[in-house]
PDB file of N, CA and C in Angstrom:
ATOM      1  N   MET A   1      57.785   3.594  35.090  1.00  0.00           N
ATOM      2  CA  MET A   1      56.693   2.678  34.850  1.00  0.00           C
ATOM      3  C   MET A   1      55.386   3.239  35.386  1.00  0.00           C
ATOM      4  N   SER A   2      55.387   3.986  36.468  1.00  0.00           N
ATOM      5  CA  SER A   2      54.158   4.519  37.031  1.00  0.00           C
ATOM      6  C   SER A   2      53.547   5.584  36.108  1.00  0.00           C
ATOM      7  N   LEU A   3      54.363   6.300  35.352  1.00  0.00           N
ATOM      8  CA  LEU A   3      53.846   7.279  34.398  1.00  0.00           C
ATOM      9  C   LEU A   3      53.065   6.561  33.296  1.00  0.00           C
ATOM     10  N   ASN A   4      53.598   5.435  32.830  1.00  0.00           N
ATOM     11  CA  ASN A   4      52.898   4.661  31.803  1.00  0.00           C
ATOM     12  C   ASN A   4      51.550   4.146  32.331  1.00  0.00           C
ATOM     13  N   LYS A   5      51.530   3.694  33.566  1.00  0.00           N
ATOM     14  CA  LYS A   5      50.289   3.215  34.163  1.00  0.00           C
ATOM     15  C   LYS A   5      49.281   4.358  34.299  1.00  0.00           C
ATOM     16  N   ALA A   6      49.747   5.519  34.665  1.00  0.00           N
ATOM     17  CA  ALA A   6      48.862   6.677  34.804  1.00  0.00           C
ATOM     18  C   ALA A   6      48.258   7.058  33.452  1.00  0.00           C
ATOM     19  N   LEU A   7      49.082   7.063  32.412  1.00  0.00           N
ATOM     20  CA  LEU A   7      48.590   7.380  31.070  1.00  0.00           C
ATOM     21  C   LEU A   7      47.595   6.331  30.578  1.00  0.00           C
ATOM     22  N   LEU A   8      47.888   5.075  30.869  1.00  0.00           N
ATOM     23  CA  LEU A   8      46.980   4.000  30.492  1.00  0.00           C
ATOM     24  C   LEU A   8      45.645   4.145  31.227  1.00  0.00           C
ATOM     25  N   ALA A   9      45.688   4.490  32.496  1.00  0.00           N
ATOM     26  CA  ALA A   9      44.468   4.685  33.272  1.00  0.00           C
ATOM     27  C   ALA A   9      43.649   5.848  32.717  1.00  0.00           C
ATOM     28  N   LEU A  10      44.318   6.934  32.331  1.00  0.00           N
ATOM     29  CA  LEU A  10      43.611   8.069  31.749  1.00  0.00           C
ATOM     30  C   LEU A  10      42.970   7.705  30.402  1.00  0.00           C
ATOM     31  N   ALA A  11      43.699   6.934  29.592  1.00  0.00           N
ATOM     32  CA  ALA A  11      43.157   6.518  28.299  1.00  0.00           C
ATOM     33  C   ALA A  11      41.940   5.617  28.476  1.00  0.00           C
ATOM     34  N   LEU A  12      42.006   4.702  29.432  1.00  0.00           N
ATOM     35  CA  LEU A  12      40.873   3.816  29.691  1.00  0.00           C
ATOM     36  C   LEU A  12      39.675   4.602  30.235  1.00  0.00           C
ATOM     37  N   ALA A  13      39.937   5.577  31.081  1.00  0.00           N
ATOM     38  CA  ALA A  13      38.855   6.398  31.626  1.00  0.00           C
ATOM     39  C   ALA A  13      38.184   7.204  30.510  1.00  0.00           C
ATOM     40  N   ALA A  14      38.991   7.737  29.592  1.00  0.00           N
ATOM     41  CA  ALA A  14      38.427   8.498  28.472  1.00  0.00           C
ATOM     42  C   ALA A  14      37.588   7.592  27.577  1.00  0.00           C
ATOM     43  N   ALA A  15      38.054   6.381  27.327  1.00  0.00           N
ATOM     44  CA  ALA A  15      37.303   5.439  26.495  1.00  0.00           C
ATOM     45  C   ALA A  15      35.996   5.049  27.171  1.00  0.00           C
ATOM     46  N   LEU A  16      36.035   4.813  28.470  1.00  0.00           N
ATOM     47  CA  LEU A  16      34.829   4.452  29.207  1.00  0.00           C
ATOM     48  C   LEU A  16      33.816   5.590  29.195  1.00  0.00           C
ATOM     49  N   THR A  17      34.283   6.803  29.341  1.00  0.00           N
ATOM     50  CA  THR A  17      33.403   7.968  29.310  1.00  0.00           C
ATOM     51  C   THR A  17      32.744   8.107  27.946  1.00  0.00           C
ATOM     52  N   ALA A  18      33.507   7.892  26.882  1.00  0.00           N
ATOM     53  CA  ALA A  18      32.950   7.988  25.530  1.00  0.00           C
ATOM     54  C   ALA A  18      31.880   6.916  25.310  1.00  0.00           C
ATOM     55  N   CYS A  19      32.127   5.714  25.783  1.00  0.00           N
ATOM     56  CA  CYS A  19      31.143   4.632  25.633  1.00  0.00           C
ATOM     57  C   CYS A  19      29.880   4.929  26.423  1.00  0.00           C
ATOM     58  N   THR A  20      30.023   5.469  27.593  1.00  0.00           N
ATOM     59  CA  THR A  20      28.874   5.781  28.433  1.00  0.00           C
ATOM     60  C   THR A  20      28.010   6.844  27.780  1.00  0.00           C
ATOM     61  N   LYS A  21      28.641   7.867  27.218  1.00  0.00           N
ATOM     62  CA  LYS A  21      27.873   8.923  26.565  1.00  0.00           C
ATOM     63  C   LYS A  21      27.143   8.380  25.339  1.00  0.00           C
ATOM     64  N   THR A  22      27.748   7.454  24.611  1.00  0.00           N
ATOM     65  CA  THR A  22      27.094   6.848  23.453  1.00  0.00           C
ATOM     66  C   THR A  22      25.894   6.030  23.901  1.00  0.00           C
ATOM     67  N   ASP A  23      26.048   5.270  24.987  1.00  0.00           N
ATOM     68  CA  ASP A  23      24.945   4.474  25.520  1.00  0.00           C
ATOM     69  C   ASP A  23      23.794   5.364  25.980  1.00  0.00           C
ATOM     70  N   GLU A  24      24.120   6.489  26.612  1.00  0.00           N
ATOM     71  CA  GLU A  24      23.088   7.412  27.067  1.00  0.00           C
ATOM     72  C   GLU A  24      22.334   7.993  25.883  1.00  0.00           C
ATOM     73  N   ALA A  25      23.037   8.313  24.811  1.00  0.00           N
ATOM     74  CA  ALA A  25      22.381   8.857  23.625  1.00  0.00           C
ATOM     75  C   ALA A  25      21.457   7.818  23.000  1.00  0.00           C
ATOM     76  N   ALA A  26      21.897   6.580  22.965  1.00  0.00           N
ATOM     77  CA  ALA A  26      21.057   5.517  22.408  1.00  0.00           C
ATOM     78  C   ALA A  26      19.828   5.293  23.280  1.00  0.00           C
ATOM     79  N   THR A  27      20.003   5.348  24.585  1.00  0.00           N
ATOM     80  CA  THR A  27      18.881   5.184  25.507  1.00  0.00           C
ATOM     81  C   THR A  27      17.887   6.329  25.350  1.00  0.00           C
ATOM     82  N   ASP A  28      18.399   7.548  25.219  1.00  0.00           N
ATOM     83  CA  ASP A  28      17.517   8.698  25.031  1.00  0.00           C
ATOM     84  C   ASP A  28      16.736   8.575  23.725  1.00  0.00           C
ATOM     85  N   ALA A  29      17.401   8.122  22.668  1.00  0.00           N
ATOM     86  CA  ALA A  29      16.724   7.956  21.379  1.00  0.00           C
ATOM     87  C   ALA A  29      15.641   6.886  21.470  1.00  0.00           C
ATOM     88  N   ALA A  30      15.941   5.805  22.154  1.00  0.00           N
ATOM     89  CA  ALA A  30      14.948   4.730  22.317  1.00  0.00           C
ATOM     90  C   ALA A  30      13.754   5.218  23.129  1.00  0.00           C
ATOM     91  N   ALA A  31      14.010   6.002  24.159  1.00  0.00           N
ATOM     92  CA  ALA A  31      12.923   6.537  24.979  1.00  0.00           C
ATOM     93  C   ALA A  31      12.053   7.490  24.169  1.00  0.00           C
ATOM     94  N   THR A  32      12.667   8.289  23.321  1.00  0.00           N
ATOM     95  CA  THR A  32      11.916   9.210  22.473  1.00  0.00           C
ATOM     96  C   THR A  32      11.049   8.440  21.486  1.00  0.00           C
ATOM     97  N   ASP A  33      11.605   7.385  20.890  1.00  0.00           N
ATOM     98  CA  ASP A  33      10.835   6.549  19.959  1.00  0.00           C
ATOM     99  C   ASP A  33       9.661   5.880  20.671  1.00  0.00           C
ATOM    100  N   ALA A  34       9.896   5.385  21.875  1.00  0.00           N
ATOM    101  CA  ALA A  34       8.837   4.731  22.633  1.00  0.00           C
ATOM    102  C   ALA A  34       7.733   5.722  22.984  1.00  0.00           C
ATOM    103  N   ALA A  35       8.114   6.930  23.360  1.00  0.00           N
ATOM    104  CA  ALA A  35       7.116   7.951  23.692  1.00  0.00           C
ATOM    105  C   ALA A  35       6.283   8.311  22.468  1.00  0.00           C
ATOM    106  N   ALA A  36       6.919   8.392  21.309  1.00  0.00           N
ATOM    107  CA  ALA A  36       6.185   8.693  20.075  1.00  0.00           C
ATOM    108  C   ALA A  36       5.224   7.568  19.731  1.00  0.00           C
ATOM    109  N   THR A  37       5.644   6.330  19.947  1.00  0.00           N
ATOM    110  CA  THR A  37       4.777   5.181  19.671  1.00  0.00           C
ATOM    111  C   THR A  37       3.570   5.184  20.600  1.00  0.00           C
ATOM    112  N   VAL A  38       3.795   5.452  21.871  1.00  0.00           N
ATOM    113  CA  VAL A  38       2.690   5.503  22.840  1.00  0.00           C
ATOM    114  C   VAL A  38       1.741   6.641  22.494  1.00  0.00           C
ATOM    115  N   ASP A  39       2.287   7.783  22.108  1.00  0.00           N
ATOM    116  CA  ASP A  39       1.452   8.926  21.738  1.00  0.00           C
ATOM    117  C   ASP A  39       0.593   8.595  20.520  1.00  0.00           C
ATOM    118  N   ALA A  40       1.182   7.936  19.528  1.00  0.00           N
ATOM    119  CA  ALA A  40       0.429   7.551  18.332  1.00  0.00           C
ATOM    120  C   ALA A  40      -0.666   6.546  18.673  1.00  0.00           C
ATOM    121  N   ALA A  41      -0.355   5.601  19.537  1.00  0.00           N
ATOM    122  CA  ALA A  41      -1.357   4.606  19.941  1.00  0.00           C
ATOM    123  C   ALA A  41      -2.500   5.275  20.697  1.00  0.00           C
ATOM    124  N   ALA A  42      -2.193   6.228  21.543  1.00  0.00           N
ATOM    125  CA  ALA A  42      -3.231   6.935  22.290  1.00  0.00           C
ATOM    126  C   ALA A  42      -4.111   7.741  21.343  1.00  0.00           C
ATOM    127  N   THR A  43      -3.518   8.361  20.351  1.00  0.00           N
ATOM    128  CA  THR A  43      -4.285   9.120  19.369  1.00  0.00           C
ATOM    129  C   THR A  43      -5.207   8.202  18.581  1.00  0.00           C
ATOM    130  N   ASP A  44      -4.680   7.044  18.160  1.00  0.00           N
ATOM    131  CA  ASP A  44      -5.499   6.064  17.431  1.00  0.00           C
ATOM    132  C   ASP A  44      -6.650   5.556  18.295  1.00  0.00           C
ATOM    133  N   ALA A  45      -6.382   5.290  19.554  1.00  0.00           N
ATOM    134  CA  ALA A  45      -7.419   4.799  20.462  1.00  0.00           C
ATOM    135  C   ALA A  45      -8.494   5.857  20.669  1.00  0.00           C
ATOM    136  N   ALA A  46      -8.087   7.112  20.811  1.00  0.00           N
ATOM    137  CA  ALA A  46      -9.055   8.191  20.997  1.00  0.00           C
ATOM    138  C   ALA A  46      -9.927   8.335  19.753  1.00  0.00           C
ATOM    139  N   ALA A  47      -9.330   8.202  18.579  1.00  0.00           N
ATOM    140  CA  ALA A  47     -10.103   8.288  17.342  1.00  0.00           C
ATOM    141  C   ALA A  47     -11.087   7.125  17.240  1.00  0.00           C
ATOM    142  N   ALA A  48     -10.675   5.950  17.657  1.00  0.00           N
ATOM    143  CA  ALA A  48     -11.562   4.782  17.622  1.00  0.00           C
ATOM    144  C   ALA A  48     -12.735   4.969  18.577  1.00  0.00           C
ATOM    145  N   VAL A  49     -12.474   5.506  19.759  1.00  0.00           N
ATOM    146  CA  VAL A  49     -13.541   5.745  20.734  1.00  0.00           C
ATOM    147  C   VAL A  49     -14.511   6.793  20.198  1.00  0.00           C
ATOM    148  N   GLU A  50     -13.984   7.859  19.609  1.00  0.00           N
ATOM    149  CA  GLU A  50     -14.851   8.892  19.049  1.00  0.00           C
ATOM    150  C   GLU A  50     -15.698   8.327  17.915  1.00  0.00           C
ATOM    151  N   GLY A  51     -15.106   7.480  17.079  1.00  0.00           N
ATOM    152  CA  GLY A  51     -15.846   6.856  15.985  1.00  0.00           C
ATOM    153  C   GLY A  51     -16.941   5.944  16.496  1.00  0.00           C
ATOM    154  N   ALA A  52     -16.628   5.172  17.524  1.00  0.00           N
ATOM    155  CA  ALA A  52     -17.624   4.270  18.102  1.00  0.00           C
ATOM    156  C   ALA A  52     -18.748   5.066  18.749  1.00  0.00           C
ATOM    157  N   ALA A  53     -18.407   6.168  19.398  1.00  0.00           N
ATOM    158  CA  ALA A  53     -19.437   7.002  20.023  1.00  0.00           C
ATOM    159  C   ALA A  53     -20.328   7.635  18.959  1.00  0.00           C
ATOM    160  N   ALA A  54     -19.732   8.065  17.865  1.00  0.00           N
ATOM    161  CA  ALA A  54     -20.518   8.653  16.781  1.00  0.00           C
ATOM    162  C   ALA A  54     -21.438   7.602  16.167  1.00  0.00           C
ATOM    163  N   ASP A  55     -20.921   6.389  16.003  1.00  0.00           N
ATOM    164  CA  ASP A  55     -21.754   5.305  15.462  1.00  0.00           C
ATOM    165  C   ASP A  55     -22.903   4.976  16.406  1.00  0.00           C
ATOM    166  N   ALA A  56     -22.653   4.983  17.689  1.00  0.00           N
ATOM    167  CA  ALA A  56     -23.686   4.654  18.666  1.00  0.00           C
ATOM    168  C   ALA A  56     -24.742   5.753  18.738  1.00  0.00           C
ATOM    169  N   ALA A  57     -24.325   6.998  18.509  1.00  0.00           N
ATOM    170  CA  ALA A  57     -25.258   8.118  18.591  1.00  0.00           C
ATOM    171  C   ALA A  57     -26.076   8.275  17.315  1.00  0.00           C
ATOM    172  N   ALA A  58     -25.630   7.703  16.200  1.00  0.00           N
ATOM    173  CA  ALA A  58     -26.341   7.837  14.932  1.00  0.00           C
ATOM    174  C   ALA A  58     -27.637   7.037  14.992  1.00  0.00           C
ATOM    175  N   PRO A  59     -28.704   7.577  14.387  1.00  0.00           N
ATOM    176  CA  PRO A  59     -29.957   6.819  14.395  1.00  0.00           C
ATOM    177  C   PRO A  59     -29.824   5.561  13.540  1.00  0.00           C
ATOM    178  N   ALA A  60     -30.584   4.547  13.899  1.00  0.00           N
ATOM    179  CA  ALA A  60     -30.534   3.294  13.151  1.00  0.00           C
ATOM    180  C   ALA A  60     -31.080   3.535  11.759  1.00  0.00           C
ATOM    181  N   ALA A  61     -30.482   2.902  10.771  1.00  0.00           N
ATOM    182  CA  ALA A  61     -30.936   3.053   9.395  1.00  0.00           C
ATOM    183  C   ALA A  61     -32.293   2.374   9.250  1.00  0.00           C
ATOM    184  N   PRO A  62     -33.209   2.969   8.485  1.00  0.00           N
ATOM    185  CA  PRO A  62     -34.519   2.344   8.314  1.00  0.00           C
ATOM    186  C   PRO A  62     -34.377   1.030   7.546  1.00  0.00           C
ATOM    187  N   ALA A  63     -35.289   0.122   7.783  1.00  0.00           N
ATOM    188  CA  ALA A  63     -35.261  -1.179   7.106  1.00  0.00           C
ATOM    189  C   ALA A  63     -35.454  -0.956   5.607  1.00  0.00           C
ATOM    190  N   ALA A  64     -34.801  -1.747   4.818  1.00  0.00           N
ATOM    191  CA  ALA A  64     -34.938  -1.640   3.373  1.00  0.00           C
ATOM    192  C   ALA A  64     -36.350  -2.021   2.964  1.00  0.00           C
ATOM    193  N   GLU A  65     -36.816  -1.480   1.863  1.00  0.00           N
ATOM    194  CA  GLU A  65     -38.170  -1.751   1.399  1.00  0.00           C
ATOM    195  C   GLU A  65     -38.337  -3.225   1.132  1.00  0.00           C
ATOM    196  N   GLY A  66     -39.387  -3.780   1.580  1.00  0.00           N
ATOM    197  CA  GLY A  66     -39.644  -5.201   1.378  1.00  0.00           C
ATOM    198  C   GLY A  66     -39.179  -6.077   2.526  1.00  0.00           C
ATOM    199  N   GLU A  67     -38.397  -5.536   3.450  1.00  0.00           N
ATOM    200  CA  GLU A  67     -37.945  -6.311   4.598  1.00  0.00           C
ATOM    201  C   GLU A  67     -38.950  -6.177   5.716  1.00  0.00           C
ATOM    202  N   LYS A  68     -39.098  -7.233   6.483  1.00  0.00           N
ATOM    203  CA  LYS A  68     -40.007  -7.188   7.633  1.00  0.00           C
ATOM    204  C   LYS A  68     -39.315  -6.539   8.805  1.00  0.00           C
ATOM    205  N   LYS A  69     -40.082  -5.832   9.567  1.00  0.00           N
ATOM    206  CA  LYS A  69     -39.520  -5.186  10.754  1.00  0.00           C
ATOM    207  C   LYS A  69     -39.669  -6.093  11.945  1.00  0.00           C
TER     208      LYS A  69
END
């Protein structure tokens, strides 16, 4: 009976190890996706800041003809 218990313990340990490795892979994939999302958001924010700075540095458009200043 102790041999059966030992084999059962080994089988359960192998199953637990397989589940843990799957969870780690899923966690790594989620972390990679999150990092890509943050990187994209930072790039978008930098582009928005550059656009706003360019708009602020551009000279004001002259008033249209016939409009009062």
